[in-house]
Amino acid sequence: MSDTPRMVAHGGNLHEAAQRYGIGWETWIDLSTGINPHGYPVPPVPASAWRRLPDDGDGFAACAARYYGAPDAQHVLPVAGSQAAIRALPALLPPGGVAIAPLTYGEYAPAFAQAGHTVVPLDIGATALPDDVTHAVVVNPNNPTATLVARDTLLRWLAQLAARGGTLIVDEAFADAYAQARAESLADAVDRGGLVVLRSPGKFFGLAGARCGFALAQPGLLATLRARLGAWTVSGPARHAVRHAFEDAAWQAAMRERLAAEGARLAALLSAQGFTPHATPLYAWIADARAAHLQDALAARAVWTRRFDSPASLRFGLPACEAQWQRFASALAQAVRVIG
C-alpha cells in the first residue's frame, strides 16, 4: 500500500468533466467553484514585474494590511495562495486535538492529520470547546455550507485555546464579498496570541490564477512560517495584480453590489425548483439526497457543479453572463424533471 497522500478533490476540474461526459471543454458552464466570474481587470503588467525577483520591501504586505484591517505589515505574510499556509501551518503547531467541521474546505483535515494531530469534529454551535481540543479551524463563512460564526464566538474560542497553548485558525477566503462576513472578521485581532487568519484575493477579486494569499498572525509565528515556505512565494506579476485590486475601492463597492444581486438571483433560482439554498454572494449550497443524480443530469447538459457526499449536497457558483444564466435556468429545470 502506498504512503503517498491522496489529492483532495476540488472544483474547477472542468477538463476532467469534459472528458468524462464527452462534451467539448469550451461548451461548459463551470459553476464548480465559488470564484467571482467577473474578475478584477488587471492593468498591464510592467516588464520589471517579470524580470526582477519579488522584493519584500515593495510595500505589498502593508497594502494588504490596510485592505484587510490588520494592525500593520508585520502581522501580514504574503504566501502562494492560502493553500501554502494550510499545508505548512500544522507542522508548526504543537500536536494535539484539532477541531474541524465535518463538512468544510477539504484540505485542512488531511494536512493536520499528516502532521500528527488528532482531527475531531467541530460543533459550530458550541459555547466552549472540549478540553481535549488544542487547536481549531473555522472557515468563515464556511465553504460550502455558507455558515457564518459570530466574531464574539470566535474570540471566546480563541481565549480558550490560547489558555491551552493552542491556536485558532480562521479562514476568511470568502469574507470579502459581503458586509456581514467582513463584520465578523478577526483580521484586526491578529496581534493576539494563538490566532491565525487566512485571506485570499482569489475569490472576491476573481484572481485565483495569481496564486496569492495572506497569513495574518503575530510576527513571531509569521517568521517561522516564512522560513518554512522559503523566499519569493508570490510572483511579481501576482503582486502587481493584487496591489491594484486592493487599492481600487470603487471597483470593490460596485462589485459587492453586483454580487449581492447575482447571489440573490442564484438562491431564488434554486428555491424556485424546490431546493433550500444556503448562500453567500459568491455561491449557494443545497443538501439533497438526489445530489449525485442532479450533478449528473446537469453535467449531461454541460453544466458543472461541485458535489459533496456527507451530507449529499451540491454547491453552485455564479454564471458568468446573461446567456449562461439562461442556459443554467433551463438546464436546472430539465435536470430536476429528470431526477424526479
C-alpha atoms as a PDB file:
ATOM      1  CA  MET A   1       0.000   0.000   0.000  1.00  0.00           C
ATOM      2  CA  SER A   2       1.385   3.426  -0.968  1.00  0.00           C
ATOM      3  CA  ASP A   3       2.004   6.067   1.722  1.00  0.00           C
ATOM      4  CA  THR A   4       1.598   8.865  -0.823  1.00  0.00           C
ATOM      5  CA  PRO A   5      -1.195  11.202   0.357  1.00  0.00           C
ATOM      6  CA  ARG A   6      -4.227  11.338  -1.894  1.00  0.00           C
ATOM      7  CA  MET A   7      -5.074  14.608  -3.606  1.00  0.00           C
ATOM      8  CA  VAL A   8      -8.122  16.358  -2.173  1.00  0.00           C
ATOM      9  CA  ALA A   9     -10.955  16.811  -4.669  1.00  0.00           C
ATOM     10  CA  HIS A  10     -11.782  20.399  -5.620  1.00  0.00           C
ATOM     11  CA  GLY A  11     -13.975  22.281  -8.055  1.00  0.00           C
ATOM     12  CA  GLY A  12     -12.578  23.783 -11.232  1.00  0.00           C
ATOM     13  CA  ASN A  13     -11.743  20.369 -12.737  1.00  0.00           C
ATOM     14  CA  LEU A  14     -13.553  21.176 -15.955  1.00  0.00           C
ATOM     15  CA  HIS A  15     -11.257  19.236 -18.279  1.00  0.00           C
ATOM     16  CA  GLU A  16     -11.943  16.119 -16.222  1.00  0.00           C
ATOM     17  CA  ALA A  17     -15.699  16.670 -16.549  1.00  0.00           C
ATOM     18  CA  ALA A  18     -15.403  17.289 -20.289  1.00  0.00           C
ATOM     19  CA  GLN A  19     -13.544  14.021 -20.750  1.00  0.00           C
ATOM     20  CA  ARG A  20     -15.939  12.062 -18.536  1.00  0.00           C
ATOM     21  CA  TYR A  21     -19.066  13.232 -20.324  1.00  0.00           C
ATOM     22  CA  GLY A  22     -17.632  13.545 -23.826  1.00  0.00           C
ATOM     23  CA  ILE A  23     -18.623  17.196 -24.179  1.00  0.00           C
ATOM     24  CA  GLY A  24     -16.152  19.737 -25.548  1.00  0.00           C
ATOM     25  CA  TRP A  25     -14.446  21.817 -22.850  1.00  0.00           C
ATOM     26  CA  GLU A  26     -15.440  25.141 -24.398  1.00  0.00           C
ATOM     27  CA  THR A  27     -19.155  24.212 -24.204  1.00  0.00           C
ATOM     28  CA  TRP A  28     -19.413  24.003 -20.417  1.00  0.00           C
ATOM     29  CA  ILE A  29     -20.737  26.415 -17.833  1.00  0.00           C
ATOM     30  CA  ASP A  30     -18.419  25.988 -14.857  1.00  0.00           C
ATOM     31  CA  LEU A  31     -20.283  26.544 -11.578  1.00  0.00           C
ATOM     32  CA  SER A  32     -17.992  24.222  -9.621  1.00  0.00           C
ATOM     33  CA  THR A  33     -16.048  26.967  -7.824  1.00  0.00           C
ATOM     34  CA  GLY A  34     -17.038  29.983  -5.759  1.00  0.00           C
ATOM     35  CA  ILE A  35     -14.704  32.277  -7.693  1.00  0.00           C
ATOM     36  CA  ASN A  36     -16.102  35.589  -8.907  1.00  0.00           C
ATOM     37  CA  PRO A  37     -16.633  35.162 -12.682  1.00  0.00           C
ATOM     38  CA  HIS A  38     -16.279  38.942 -13.126  1.00  0.00           C
ATOM     39  CA  GLY A  39     -12.632  39.119 -12.154  1.00  0.00           C
ATOM     40  CA  TYR A  40     -10.733  42.298 -11.456  1.00  0.00           C
ATOM     41  CA  PRO A  41      -9.472  43.946 -14.697  1.00  0.00           C
ATOM     42  CA  VAL A  42      -5.742  43.837 -14.025  1.00  0.00           C
ATOM     43  CA  PRO A  43      -3.839  46.678 -15.721  1.00  0.00           C
ATOM     44  CA  PRO A  44      -0.906  45.782 -17.974  1.00  0.00           C
ATOM     45  CA  VAL A  45       1.964  44.172 -16.094  1.00  0.00           C
ATOM     46  CA  PRO A  46       5.177  46.199 -16.272  1.00  0.00           C
ATOM     47  CA  ALA A  47       8.225  44.436 -17.664  1.00  0.00           C
ATOM     48  CA  SER A  48      10.033  44.850 -14.341  1.00  0.00           C
ATOM     49  CA  ALA A  49       7.486  42.578 -12.637  1.00  0.00           C
ATOM     50  CA  TRP A  50       8.627  39.758 -14.899  1.00  0.00           C
ATOM     51  CA  ARG A  51      12.331  40.500 -14.806  1.00  0.00           C
ATOM     52  CA  ARG A  52      13.025  41.276 -11.141  1.00  0.00           C
ATOM     53  CA  LEU A  53      12.822  38.961  -8.161  1.00  0.00           C
ATOM     54  CA  PRO A  54       9.881  39.801  -5.861  1.00  0.00           C
ATOM     55  CA  ASP A  55      11.066  42.261  -3.213  1.00  0.00           C
ATOM     56  CA  ASP A  56       9.633  42.168   0.304  1.00  0.00           C
ATOM     57  CA  GLY A  57      10.484  45.862   0.617  1.00  0.00           C
ATOM     58  CA  ASP A  58       7.916  46.831  -2.012  1.00  0.00           C
ATOM     59  CA  GLY A  59       5.134  47.619   0.484  1.00  0.00           C
ATOM     60  CA  PHE A  60       2.946  44.718  -0.624  1.00  0.00           C
ATOM     61  CA  ALA A  61       2.361  43.448   2.923  1.00  0.00           C
ATOM     62  CA  ALA A  62       1.490  46.962   4.095  1.00  0.00           C
ATOM     63  CA  CYS A  63      -1.010  47.305   1.253  1.00  0.00           C
ATOM     64  CA  ALA A  64      -2.660  44.045   2.346  1.00  0.00           C
ATOM     65  CA  ALA A  65      -2.674  45.149   5.990  1.00  0.00           C
ATOM     66  CA  ARG A  66      -4.556  48.326   5.043  1.00  0.00           C
ATOM     67  CA  TYR A  67      -7.082  46.441   2.949  1.00  0.00           C
ATOM     68  CA  TYR A  68      -7.764  43.693   5.498  1.00  0.00           C
ATOM     69  CA  GLY A  69      -7.593  45.950   8.561  1.00  0.00           C
ATOM     70  CA  ALA A  70      -4.643  44.119  10.151  1.00  0.00           C
ATOM     71  CA  PRO A  71      -2.626  46.015  12.790  1.00  0.00           C
ATOM     72  CA  ASP A  72       0.355  46.602  10.447  1.00  0.00           C
ATOM     73  CA  ALA A  73       2.580  44.987   7.836  1.00  0.00           C
ATOM     74  CA  GLN A  74       4.470  42.987  10.476  1.00  0.00           C
ATOM     75  CA  HIS A  75       1.290  40.976  11.022  1.00  0.00           C
ATOM     76  CA  VAL A  76       0.890  40.031   7.330  1.00  0.00           C
ATOM     77  CA  LEU A  77       2.767  37.418   5.301  1.00  0.00           C
ATOM     78  CA  PRO A  78       2.074  37.069   1.549  1.00  0.00           C
ATOM     79  CA  VAL A  79       2.011  33.392   0.542  1.00  0.00           C
ATOM     80  CA  ALA A  80       1.498  31.407  -2.654  1.00  0.00           C
ATOM     81  CA  GLY A  81      -2.238  31.120  -2.116  1.00  0.00           C
ATOM     82  CA  SER A  82      -3.654  30.373   1.329  1.00  0.00           C
ATOM     83  CA  GLN A  83      -3.189  26.729   0.327  1.00  0.00           C
ATOM     84  CA  ALA A  84       0.536  27.073   1.006  1.00  0.00           C
ATOM     85  CA  ALA A  85      -0.135  28.174   4.583  1.00  0.00           C
ATOM     86  CA  ILE A  86      -2.739  25.447   5.113  1.00  0.00           C
ATOM     87  CA  ARG A  87      -0.187  22.778   4.273  1.00  0.00           C
ATOM     88  CA  ALA A  88       2.650  24.331   6.283  1.00  0.00           C
ATOM     89  CA  LEU A  89       0.960  25.553   9.481  1.00  0.00           C
ATOM     90  CA  PRO A  90       0.035  22.186  11.090  1.00  0.00           C
ATOM     91  CA  ALA A  91       3.700  21.174  11.342  1.00  0.00           C
ATOM     92  CA  LEU A  92       4.484  24.434  13.161  1.00  0.00           C
ATOM     93  CA  LEU A  93       1.898  23.871  15.902  1.00  0.00           C
ATOM     94  CA  PRO A  94       2.272  21.505  18.899  1.00  0.00           C
ATOM     95  CA  PRO A  95       0.485  18.185  18.188  1.00  0.00           C
ATOM     96  CA  GLY A  96      -2.933  17.841  19.773  1.00  0.00           C
ATOM     97  CA  GLY A  97      -6.589  17.573  19.057  1.00  0.00           C
ATOM     98  CA  VAL A  98      -7.755  19.884  16.280  1.00  0.00           C
ATOM     99  CA  ALA A  99     -11.451  20.616  15.835  1.00  0.00           C
ATOM    100  CA  ILE A 100     -12.584  20.943  12.209  1.00  0.00           C
ATOM    101  CA  ALA A 101     -16.146  20.985  10.892  1.00  0.00           C
ATOM    102  CA  PRO A 102     -17.077  17.658   9.218  1.00  0.00           C
ATOM    103  CA  LEU A 103     -18.054  19.481   6.006  1.00  0.00           C
ATOM    104  CA  THR A 104     -15.697  22.340   5.215  1.00  0.00           C
ATOM    105  CA  TYR A 105     -12.754  23.109   2.952  1.00  0.00           C
ATOM    106  CA  GLY A 106     -11.225  19.683   2.435  1.00  0.00           C
ATOM    107  CA  GLU A 107      -7.507  20.495   2.727  1.00  0.00           C
ATOM    108  CA  TYR A 108      -7.437  21.126   6.487  1.00  0.00           C
ATOM    109  CA  ALA A 109      -8.168  17.703   7.924  1.00  0.00           C
ATOM    110  CA  PRO A 110      -5.542  15.775   5.907  1.00  0.00           C
ATOM    111  CA  ALA A 111      -2.911  18.473   6.478  1.00  0.00           C
ATOM    112  CA  PHE A 112      -3.364  18.302  10.250  1.00  0.00           C
ATOM    113  CA  ALA A 113      -3.583  14.509  10.307  1.00  0.00           C
ATOM    114  CA  GLN A 114      -0.384  14.184   8.280  1.00  0.00           C
ATOM    115  CA  ALA A 115       1.387  16.459  10.799  1.00  0.00           C
ATOM    116  CA  GLY A 116       0.426  14.166  13.692  1.00  0.00           C
ATOM    117  CA  HIS A 117      -2.652  15.944  15.046  1.00  0.00           C
ATOM    118  CA  THR A 118      -5.887  14.177  16.001  1.00  0.00           C
ATOM    119  CA  VAL A 119      -8.797  15.569  13.995  1.00  0.00           C
ATOM    120  CA  VAL A 120     -12.135  15.773  15.832  1.00  0.00           C
ATOM    121  CA  PRO A 121     -15.481  17.249  14.688  1.00  0.00           C
ATOM    122  CA  LEU A 122     -16.086  20.912  15.437  1.00  0.00           C
ATOM    123  CA  ASP A 123     -19.528  21.781  16.804  1.00  0.00           C
ATOM    124  CA  ILE A 124     -20.213  25.223  15.364  1.00  0.00           C
ATOM    125  CA  GLY A 125     -22.928  25.820  17.961  1.00  0.00           C
ATOM    126  CA  ALA A 126     -20.717  25.054  20.961  1.00  0.00           C
ATOM    127  CA  THR A 127     -20.175  27.701  23.604  1.00  0.00           C
ATOM    128  CA  ALA A 128     -16.997  26.041  24.843  1.00  0.00           C
ATOM    129  CA  LEU A 129     -14.569  23.778  23.031  1.00  0.00           C
ATOM    130  CA  PRO A 130     -13.914  20.306  24.506  1.00  0.00           C
ATOM    131  CA  ASP A 131     -10.974  20.041  26.902  1.00  0.00           C
ATOM    132  CA  ASP A 132      -9.057  17.719  24.565  1.00  0.00           C
ATOM    133  CA  VAL A 133      -9.069  20.269  21.730  1.00  0.00           C
ATOM    134  CA  THR A 134      -5.825  22.213  21.374  1.00  0.00           C
ATOM    135  CA  HIS A 135      -6.432  23.842  18.004  1.00  0.00           C
ATOM    136  CA  ALA A 136      -9.495  24.680  15.921  1.00  0.00           C
ATOM    137  CA  VAL A 137     -10.088  25.598  12.285  1.00  0.00           C
ATOM    138  CA  VAL A 138     -13.066  27.707  11.243  1.00  0.00           C
ATOM    139  CA  VAL A 139     -13.782  28.598   7.623  1.00  0.00           C
ATOM    140  CA  ASN A 140     -15.874  31.754   7.924  1.00  0.00           C
ATOM    141  CA  PRO A 141     -18.141  31.867   6.011  1.00  0.00           C
ATOM    142  CA  ASN A 142     -17.926  28.124   5.661  1.00  0.00           C
ATOM    143  CA  ASN A 143     -17.216  26.539   2.316  1.00  0.00           C
ATOM    144  CA  PRO A 144     -19.550  25.034   1.182  1.00  0.00           C
ATOM    145  CA  THR A 145     -22.404  25.439   3.700  1.00  0.00           C
ATOM    146  CA  ALA A 146     -22.218  29.272   3.967  1.00  0.00           C
ATOM    147  CA  THR A 147     -22.474  29.074   7.780  1.00  0.00           C
ATOM    148  CA  LEU A 148     -21.098  32.225   9.434  1.00  0.00           C
ATOM    149  CA  VAL A 149     -19.748  32.071  13.002  1.00  0.00           C
ATOM    150  CA  ALA A 150     -20.086  35.268  15.020  1.00  0.00           C
ATOM    151  CA  ARG A 151     -16.976  37.205  15.973  1.00  0.00           C
ATOM    152  CA  ASP A 152     -17.864  37.001  19.677  1.00  0.00           C
ATOM    153  CA  THR A 153     -17.954  33.207  19.483  1.00  0.00           C
ATOM    154  CA  LEU A 154     -14.604  33.102  17.695  1.00  0.00           C
ATOM    155  CA  LEU A 155     -12.995  35.361  20.282  1.00  0.00           C
ATOM    156  CA  ARG A 156     -14.361  33.165  23.084  1.00  0.00           C
ATOM    157  CA  TRP A 157     -12.881  30.078  21.426  1.00  0.00           C
ATOM    158  CA  LEU A 158      -9.600  31.922  20.887  1.00  0.00           C
ATOM    159  CA  ALA A 159      -9.345  32.698  24.597  1.00  0.00           C
ATOM    160  CA  GLN A 160      -9.982  29.045  25.480  1.00  0.00           C
ATOM    161  CA  LEU A 161      -7.377  27.748  23.025  1.00  0.00           C
ATOM    162  CA  ALA A 162      -4.753  30.365  23.859  1.00  0.00           C
ATOM    163  CA  ALA A 163      -5.012  29.377  27.536  1.00  0.00           C
ATOM    164  CA  ARG A 164      -4.140  25.817  26.461  1.00  0.00           C
ATOM    165  CA  GLY A 165      -1.199  26.923  24.343  1.00  0.00           C
ATOM    166  CA  GLY A 166      -3.256  26.257  21.211  1.00  0.00           C
ATOM    167  CA  THR A 167      -4.211  28.107  18.044  1.00  0.00           C
ATOM    168  CA  LEU A 168      -7.394  29.210  16.309  1.00  0.00           C
ATOM    169  CA  ILE A 169      -7.124  29.330  12.514  1.00  0.00           C
ATOM    170  CA  VAL A 170      -9.872  31.344  10.824  1.00  0.00           C
ATOM    171  CA  ASP A 171     -10.055  31.016   7.040  1.00  0.00           C
ATOM    172  CA  GLU A 172     -11.825  34.085   5.668  1.00  0.00           C
ATOM    173  CA  ALA A 173     -11.319  33.327   1.981  1.00  0.00           C
ATOM    174  CA  PHE A 174     -14.927  34.240   1.126  1.00  0.00           C
ATOM    175  CA  ALA A 175     -15.345  37.137   3.573  1.00  0.00           C
ATOM    176  CA  ASP A 176     -14.626  39.971   1.113  1.00  0.00           C
ATOM    177  CA  ALA A 177     -17.857  39.692  -0.815  1.00  0.00           C
ATOM    178  CA  TYR A 178     -20.379  40.910   1.750  1.00  0.00           C
ATOM    179  CA  ALA A 179     -20.617  43.194   4.747  1.00  0.00           C
ATOM    180  CA  GLN A 180     -21.906  40.651   7.254  1.00  0.00           C
ATOM    181  CA  ALA A 181     -18.865  38.400   6.818  1.00  0.00           C
ATOM    182  CA  ARG A 182     -16.441  41.323   6.918  1.00  0.00           C
ATOM    183  CA  ALA A 183     -18.036  42.489  10.168  1.00  0.00           C
ATOM    184  CA  GLU A 184     -17.231  39.107  11.763  1.00  0.00           C
ATOM    185  CA  SER A 185     -13.605  39.153  10.571  1.00  0.00           C
ATOM    186  CA  LEU A 186     -10.790  38.742  13.074  1.00  0.00           C
ATOM    187  CA  ALA A 187      -8.179  40.373  10.819  1.00  0.00           C
ATOM    188  CA  ASP A 188      -7.877  43.304  13.219  1.00  0.00           C
ATOM    189  CA  ALA A 189      -7.250  40.971  16.180  1.00  0.00           C
ATOM    190  CA  VAL A 190      -4.201  39.072  14.908  1.00  0.00           C
ATOM    191  CA  ASP A 191      -1.922  40.822  17.383  1.00  0.00           C
ATOM    192  CA  ARG A 192      -3.400  38.405  19.959  1.00  0.00           C
ATOM    193  CA  GLY A 193      -1.515  35.198  20.623  1.00  0.00           C
ATOM    194  CA  GLY A 194      -2.888  31.950  19.267  1.00  0.00           C
ATOM    195  CA  LEU A 195      -4.709  33.438  16.266  1.00  0.00           C
ATOM    196  CA  VAL A 196      -4.067  32.947  12.551  1.00  0.00           C
ATOM    197  CA  VAL A 197      -6.341  34.480   9.915  1.00  0.00           C
ATOM    198  CA  LEU A 198      -6.028  33.395   6.288  1.00  0.00           C
ATOM    199  CA  ARG A 199      -7.251  35.625   3.470  1.00  0.00           C
ATOM    200  CA  SER A 200      -7.384  35.142  -0.282  1.00  0.00           C
ATOM    201  CA  PRO A 201      -7.888  37.624  -3.130  1.00  0.00           C
ATOM    202  CA  GLY A 202      -8.682  34.715  -5.417  1.00  0.00           C
ATOM    203  CA  LYS A 203     -12.404  34.533  -4.627  1.00  0.00           C
ATOM    204  CA  PHE A 204     -13.927  38.026  -4.470  1.00  0.00           C
ATOM    205  CA  PHE A 205     -11.435  39.587  -6.874  1.00  0.00           C
ATOM    206  CA  GLY A 206     -11.555  36.590  -9.212  1.00  0.00           C
ATOM    207  CA  LEU A 207      -7.753  36.324  -9.193  1.00  0.00           C
ATOM    208  CA  ALA A 208      -7.429  32.628  -8.355  1.00  0.00           C
ATOM    209  CA  GLY A 209      -4.808  32.152 -11.050  1.00  0.00           C
ATOM    210  CA  ALA A 210      -2.463  34.597  -9.331  1.00  0.00           C
ATOM    211  CA  ARG A 211      -1.966  32.010  -6.536  1.00  0.00           C
ATOM    212  CA  CYS A 212      -1.665  34.695  -3.897  1.00  0.00           C
ATOM    213  CA  GLY A 213      -2.896  34.624  -0.323  1.00  0.00           C
ATOM    214  CA  PHE A 214      -2.086  36.101   3.071  1.00  0.00           C
ATOM    215  CA  ALA A 215      -1.429  34.713   6.535  1.00  0.00           C
ATOM    216  CA  LEU A 216      -2.221  37.194   9.309  1.00  0.00           C
ATOM    217  CA  ALA A 217      -0.774  36.476  12.761  1.00  0.00           C
ATOM    218  CA  GLN A 218       1.770  37.625  15.316  1.00  0.00           C
ATOM    219  CA  PRO A 219       5.202  38.393  13.784  1.00  0.00           C
ATOM    220  CA  GLY A 220       6.964  35.505  15.550  1.00  0.00           C
ATOM    221  CA  LEU A 221       4.731  32.843  14.041  1.00  0.00           C
ATOM    222  CA  LEU A 222       4.889  34.514  10.634  1.00  0.00           C
ATOM    223  CA  ALA A 223       8.695  34.494  10.773  1.00  0.00           C
ATOM    224  CA  THR A 224       8.624  30.742  11.396  1.00  0.00           C
ATOM    225  CA  LEU A 225       6.129  30.245   8.569  1.00  0.00           C
ATOM    226  CA  ARG A 226       8.219  32.403   6.250  1.00  0.00           C
ATOM    227  CA  ALA A 227      11.282  30.279   6.989  1.00  0.00           C
ATOM    228  CA  ARG A 228       9.293  27.110   6.249  1.00  0.00           C
ATOM    229  CA  LEU A 229       7.932  28.403   2.925  1.00  0.00           C
ATOM    230  CA  GLY A 230      11.144  29.985   1.670  1.00  0.00           C
ATOM    231  CA  ALA A 231      11.788  33.057  -0.435  1.00  0.00           C
ATOM    232  CA  TRP A 232       9.781  34.607  -3.284  1.00  0.00           C
ATOM    233  CA  THR A 233       6.487  32.897  -2.568  1.00  0.00           C
ATOM    234  CA  VAL A 234       4.391  35.427  -4.517  1.00  0.00           C
ATOM    235  CA  SER A 235       5.466  36.378  -8.044  1.00  0.00           C
ATOM    236  CA  GLY A 236       5.989  39.912  -9.274  1.00  0.00           C
ATOM    237  CA  PRO A 237       3.014  39.838 -11.695  1.00  0.00           C
ATOM    238  CA  ALA A 238       0.747  38.492  -8.929  1.00  0.00           C
ATOM    239  CA  ARG A 239       1.852  41.279  -6.578  1.00  0.00           C
ATOM    240  CA  HIS A 240       1.113  43.821  -9.298  1.00  0.00           C
ATOM    241  CA  ALA A 241      -2.392  42.465  -9.897  1.00  0.00           C
ATOM    242  CA  VAL A 242      -3.389  42.117  -6.242  1.00  0.00           C
ATOM    243  CA  ARG A 243      -1.998  45.509  -5.207  1.00  0.00           C
ATOM    244  CA  HIS A 244      -4.109  47.258  -7.856  1.00  0.00           C
ATOM    245  CA  ALA A 245      -7.184  45.274  -6.807  1.00  0.00           C
ATOM    246  CA  PHE A 246      -6.712  46.179  -3.133  1.00  0.00           C
ATOM    247  CA  GLU A 247      -6.379  49.877  -3.923  1.00  0.00           C
ATOM    248  CA  ASP A 248      -9.430  50.090  -6.221  1.00  0.00           C
ATOM    249  CA  ALA A 249     -12.178  50.934  -3.731  1.00  0.00           C
ATOM    250  CA  ALA A 250     -14.631  51.997  -6.439  1.00  0.00           C
ATOM    251  CA  TRP A 251     -14.416  48.626  -8.183  1.00  0.00           C
ATOM    252  CA  GLN A 252     -14.838  46.825  -4.869  1.00  0.00           C
ATOM    253  CA  ALA A 253     -18.002  48.748  -3.964  1.00  0.00           C
ATOM    254  CA  ALA A 254     -19.568  48.229  -7.372  1.00  0.00           C
ATOM    255  CA  MET A 255     -18.667  44.535  -7.408  1.00  0.00           C
ATOM    256  CA  ARG A 256     -20.120  43.899  -3.960  1.00  0.00           C
ATOM    257  CA  GLU A 257     -23.391  45.417  -5.132  1.00  0.00           C
ATOM    258  CA  ARG A 258     -23.360  43.305  -8.290  1.00  0.00           C
ATOM    259  CA  LEU A 259     -22.533  40.080  -6.451  1.00  0.00           C
ATOM    260  CA  ALA A 260     -25.268  40.699  -3.881  1.00  0.00           C
ATOM    261  CA  ALA A 261     -27.801  40.847  -6.708  1.00  0.00           C
ATOM    262  CA  GLU A 262     -26.413  37.824  -8.520  1.00  0.00           C
ATOM    263  CA  GLY A 263     -26.135  35.766  -5.335  1.00  0.00           C
ATOM    264  CA  ALA A 264     -29.784  36.528  -4.574  1.00  0.00           C
ATOM    265  CA  ARG A 265     -30.707  35.564  -8.142  1.00  0.00           C
ATOM    266  CA  LEU A 266     -28.935  32.224  -7.775  1.00  0.00           C
ATOM    267  CA  ALA A 267     -30.670  31.487  -4.469  1.00  0.00           C
ATOM    268  CA  ALA A 268     -34.060  32.422  -5.954  1.00  0.00           C
ATOM    269  CA  LEU A 269     -33.455  30.168  -8.974  1.00  0.00           C
ATOM    270  CA  LEU A 270     -32.713  27.192  -6.724  1.00  0.00           C
ATOM    271  CA  SER A 271     -35.661  27.970  -4.457  1.00  0.00           C
ATOM    272  CA  ALA A 272     -37.985  28.067  -7.442  1.00  0.00           C
ATOM    273  CA  GLN A 273     -37.012  24.446  -8.179  1.00  0.00           C
ATOM    274  CA  GLY A 274     -37.892  23.343  -4.640  1.00  0.00           C
ATOM    275  CA  PHE A 275     -34.454  23.466  -3.030  1.00  0.00           C
ATOM    276  CA  THR A 276     -33.462  25.228   0.190  1.00  0.00           C
ATOM    277  CA  PRO A 277     -30.267  27.126  -0.613  1.00  0.00           C
ATOM    278  CA  HIS A 278     -27.716  28.370   1.905  1.00  0.00           C
ATOM    279  CA  ALA A 279     -25.925  31.177   0.155  1.00  0.00           C
ATOM    280  CA  THR A 280     -23.221  33.806   0.096  1.00  0.00           C
ATOM    281  CA  PRO A 281     -22.951  36.331  -2.760  1.00  0.00           C
ATOM    282  CA  LEU A 282     -20.478  34.004  -4.499  1.00  0.00           C
ATOM    283  CA  TYR A 283     -22.077  30.561  -4.154  1.00  0.00           C
ATOM    284  CA  ALA A 284     -25.110  28.634  -2.947  1.00  0.00           C
ATOM    285  CA  TRP A 285     -25.226  25.187  -1.334  1.00  0.00           C
ATOM    286  CA  ILE A 286     -28.121  22.747  -1.217  1.00  0.00           C
ATOM    287  CA  ALA A 287     -28.375  19.491   0.734  1.00  0.00           C
ATOM    288  CA  ASP A 288     -30.425  16.912  -1.142  1.00  0.00           C
ATOM    289  CA  ALA A 289     -30.369  13.108  -1.242  1.00  0.00           C
ATOM    290  CA  ARG A 290     -30.503  13.305  -5.062  1.00  0.00           C
ATOM    291  CA  ALA A 291     -27.329  15.399  -5.305  1.00  0.00           C
ATOM    292  CA  ALA A 292     -25.329  12.853  -7.303  1.00  0.00           C
ATOM    293  CA  HIS A 293     -28.162  12.391  -9.792  1.00  0.00           C
ATOM    294  CA  LEU A 294     -28.674  16.136 -10.076  1.00  0.00           C
ATOM    295  CA  GLN A 295     -24.997  16.740 -10.737  1.00  0.00           C
ATOM    296  CA  ASP A 296     -25.045  14.037 -13.413  1.00  0.00           C
ATOM    297  CA  ALA A 297     -28.183  15.416 -15.060  1.00  0.00           C
ATOM    298  CA  LEU A 298     -26.712  18.915 -15.143  1.00  0.00           C
ATOM    299  CA  ALA A 299     -23.402  17.611 -16.472  1.00  0.00           C
ATOM    300  CA  ALA A 300     -25.233  15.916 -19.323  1.00  0.00           C
ATOM    301  CA  ARG A 301     -26.307  19.472 -20.209  1.00  0.00           C
ATOM    302  CA  ALA A 302     -22.746  20.833 -19.903  1.00  0.00           C
ATOM    303  CA  VAL A 303     -23.225  22.479 -16.510  1.00  0.00           C
ATOM    304  CA  TRP A 304     -20.570  21.513 -13.954  1.00  0.00           C
ATOM    305  CA  THR A 305     -21.155  21.751 -10.202  1.00  0.00           C
ATOM    306  CA  ARG A 306     -19.323  20.711  -7.034  1.00  0.00           C
ATOM    307  CA  ARG A 307     -20.697  17.646  -5.244  1.00  0.00           C
ATOM    308  CA  PHE A 308     -20.219  16.567  -1.617  1.00  0.00           C
ATOM    309  CA  ASP A 309     -21.109  13.175  -0.183  1.00  0.00           C
ATOM    310  CA  SER A 310     -21.746  13.714   3.530  1.00  0.00           C
ATOM    311  CA  PRO A 311     -24.337  15.041   3.514  1.00  0.00           C
ATOM    312  CA  ALA A 312     -25.290  14.562  -0.120  1.00  0.00           C
ATOM    313  CA  SER A 313     -25.194  18.084  -1.464  1.00  0.00           C
ATOM    314  CA  LEU A 314     -24.183  20.413  -4.291  1.00  0.00           C
ATOM    315  CA  ARG A 315     -22.539  23.825  -4.415  1.00  0.00           C
ATOM    316  CA  PHE A 316     -23.266  26.236  -7.257  1.00  0.00           C
ATOM    317  CA  GLY A 317     -21.132  29.203  -8.249  1.00  0.00           C
ATOM    318  CA  LEU A 318     -22.316  32.148 -10.348  1.00  0.00           C
ATOM    319  CA  PRO A 319     -22.824  32.050 -14.113  1.00  0.00           C
ATOM    320  CA  ALA A 320     -20.541  34.480 -15.932  1.00  0.00           C
ATOM    321  CA  CYS A 321     -23.028  36.243 -18.234  1.00  0.00           C
ATOM    322  CA  GLU A 322     -26.723  36.509 -19.059  1.00  0.00           C
ATOM    323  CA  ALA A 323     -26.509  33.789 -21.704  1.00  0.00           C
ATOM    324  CA  GLN A 324     -25.090  31.418 -19.089  1.00  0.00           C
ATOM    325  CA  TRP A 325     -27.821  32.382 -16.614  1.00  0.00           C
ATOM    326  CA  GLN A 326     -30.486  31.483 -19.175  1.00  0.00           C
ATOM    327  CA  ARG A 327     -28.784  28.210 -20.082  1.00  0.00           C
ATOM    328  CA  PHE A 328     -28.377  27.283 -16.441  1.00  0.00           C
ATOM    329  CA  ALA A 329     -32.010  28.049 -15.603  1.00  0.00           C
ATOM    330  CA  SER A 330     -33.165  25.851 -18.461  1.00  0.00           C
ATOM    331  CA  ALA A 331     -30.719  23.039 -17.643  1.00  0.00           C
ATOM    332  CA  LEU A 332     -31.695  23.106 -13.959  1.00  0.00           C
ATOM    333  CA  ALA A 333     -35.394  22.861 -14.750  1.00  0.00           C
ATOM    334  CA  GLN A 334     -34.754  19.942 -17.122  1.00  0.00           C
ATOM    335  CA  ALA A 335     -32.445  18.191 -14.662  1.00  0.00           C
ATOM    336  CA  VAL A 336     -34.998  18.442 -11.848  1.00  0.00           C
ATOM    337  CA  ARG A 337     -37.624  16.832 -14.072  1.00  0.00           C
ATOM    338  CA  VAL A 338     -35.198  14.051 -14.989  1.00  0.00           C
ATOM    339  CA  ILE A 339     -34.351  13.155 -11.389  1.00  0.00           C
ATOM    340  CA  GLY A 340     -37.980  13.368 -10.271  1.00  0.00           C
END
